Protein backbone atom coordinates (compact mmCIF):
# COMPACT_ATOMS: atom_id res chain seq x y z
CA MET A 1 48.60 76.36 130.92
CA GLY A 2 46.84 78.00 133.86
CA ILE A 3 50.12 79.35 135.17
CA LEU A 4 50.95 80.82 131.75
CA ILE A 5 47.54 82.49 131.53
CA SER A 6 48.01 83.90 135.02
CA ALA A 7 51.45 85.20 134.05
CA ILE A 8 50.03 86.90 130.94
CA ASN A 9 47.26 88.49 133.02
CA PHE A 10 49.72 89.65 135.67
CA PHE A 11 52.15 91.13 133.14
CA ALA A 12 49.40 92.91 131.19
CA ASN A 13 47.86 94.31 134.38
CA PHE A 14 51.31 95.39 135.59
CA LEU A 15 51.97 97.26 132.34
CA VAL A 16 48.57 98.95 132.45
CA GLY A 17 49.16 99.89 136.08
CA MET A 18 52.49 101.48 135.22
CA LEU A 19 50.86 103.45 132.40
CA ILE A 20 48.06 104.68 134.66
CA ILE A 21 50.50 105.73 137.38
CA ARG A 22 52.58 107.52 134.73
CA ALA A 23 49.50 109.39 133.54
CA LEU A 24 48.51 110.39 137.07
CA LEU A 25 52.03 111.52 137.97
CA SER A 26 52.24 113.60 134.81
CA TRP A 27 49.55 115.85 136.31
CA VAL A 28 51.57 116.36 139.50
CA VAL A 29 55.24 116.28 138.51
CA ASN A 30 56.63 118.67 135.95
CA PRO A 31 60.15 119.99 135.33
CA TYR A 32 59.47 123.19 137.26
CA THR A 33 58.41 121.46 140.48
CA ALA A 34 60.74 118.45 140.32
CA ASN A 35 62.71 119.63 143.37
CA ARG A 36 59.59 119.71 145.53
CA PHE A 37 58.59 116.18 144.50
CA GLY A 38 61.93 114.38 144.77
CA PHE A 39 60.70 110.80 145.14
CA LEU A 40 57.72 111.31 142.83
CA ALA A 41 59.95 112.91 140.20
CA ARG A 42 62.34 109.95 140.32
CA LEU A 43 59.41 107.52 140.14
CA TYR A 44 57.93 109.43 137.22
CA ASN A 45 61.23 109.48 135.33
CA GLY A 46 61.66 105.75 135.95
CA LEU A 47 58.16 105.05 134.64
CA ILE A 48 58.87 107.13 131.56
CA GLN A 49 62.00 105.11 130.85
CA LEU A 50 60.13 101.82 131.31
CA THR A 51 56.98 102.67 129.37
CA GLU A 52 58.24 104.94 126.60
CA PRO A 53 59.27 101.99 124.35
CA LEU A 54 55.61 100.90 124.41
CA ILE A 55 54.16 104.36 123.80
CA ARG A 56 56.63 105.71 121.23
CA PRO A 57 55.42 103.60 118.24
CA VAL A 58 51.79 104.37 119.04
CA ARG A 59 52.57 108.08 119.36
CA ALA A 60 54.42 108.01 116.02
CA PHE A 61 51.44 106.32 114.35
CA LEU A 62 48.88 108.69 115.87
CA SER A 63 50.90 111.77 114.94
CA ARG A 64 49.79 111.24 111.36
CA PHE A 65 46.19 112.09 112.25
CA ARG A 66 46.68 115.64 113.63
CA MET A 67 44.55 115.54 116.76
CA GLY A 68 45.62 118.95 117.95
CA PRO A 69 47.10 119.28 121.42
CA PHE A 70 45.69 115.94 122.57
CA ASP A 71 47.92 112.91 123.02
CA PHE A 72 45.88 109.72 123.00
CA SER A 73 48.91 107.44 122.72
CA LEU A 74 48.72 106.33 126.35
CA PHE A 75 45.03 105.47 126.04
CA VAL A 76 45.56 103.58 122.78
CA THR A 77 48.52 101.70 124.29
CA VAL A 78 46.34 100.53 127.19
CA ILE A 79 43.69 99.33 124.72
CA LEU A 80 46.31 97.52 122.61
CA ILE A 81 47.71 95.77 125.69
CA GLY A 82 44.20 94.55 126.55
CA ILE A 83 43.62 93.31 123.01
CA LEU A 84 46.98 91.52 122.93
CA GLN A 85 46.25 89.98 126.34
CA ARG A 86 42.92 88.58 125.13
CA ILE A 87 44.43 87.26 121.89
CA LEU A 88 47.24 85.45 123.70
CA ILE A 89 44.86 83.90 126.22
CA ARG A 90 42.48 82.73 123.48
CA ILE A 91 45.39 81.17 121.60
CA LEU A 92 46.50 79.35 124.75
CA LEU A 93 42.97 78.17 125.49
CA PHE A 94 42.63 76.96 121.89
CA LEU A 95 45.84 74.94 122.23
CA MET A 96 44.60 73.20 125.39
């Protein structure tokens, strides 16, 4: 069970890391400067393709609440990953 808990922790931390890197790159890379940041633009586009399936349902749910120009879907996704990680680990520890 220890290996499974470690795998859950690694996967959750990996997802959160990808989301944080995506958020940081969104401040640097934009469509107008994509030529100047070739590698970063490709990395950013790859992260969007990998993480968008996680963020899209959260963004659709949060769009109902009209929060103006702010998009909290990335933040909420990180929180949900942490909650899911804790729930899965507690279930595994309960089964031990």
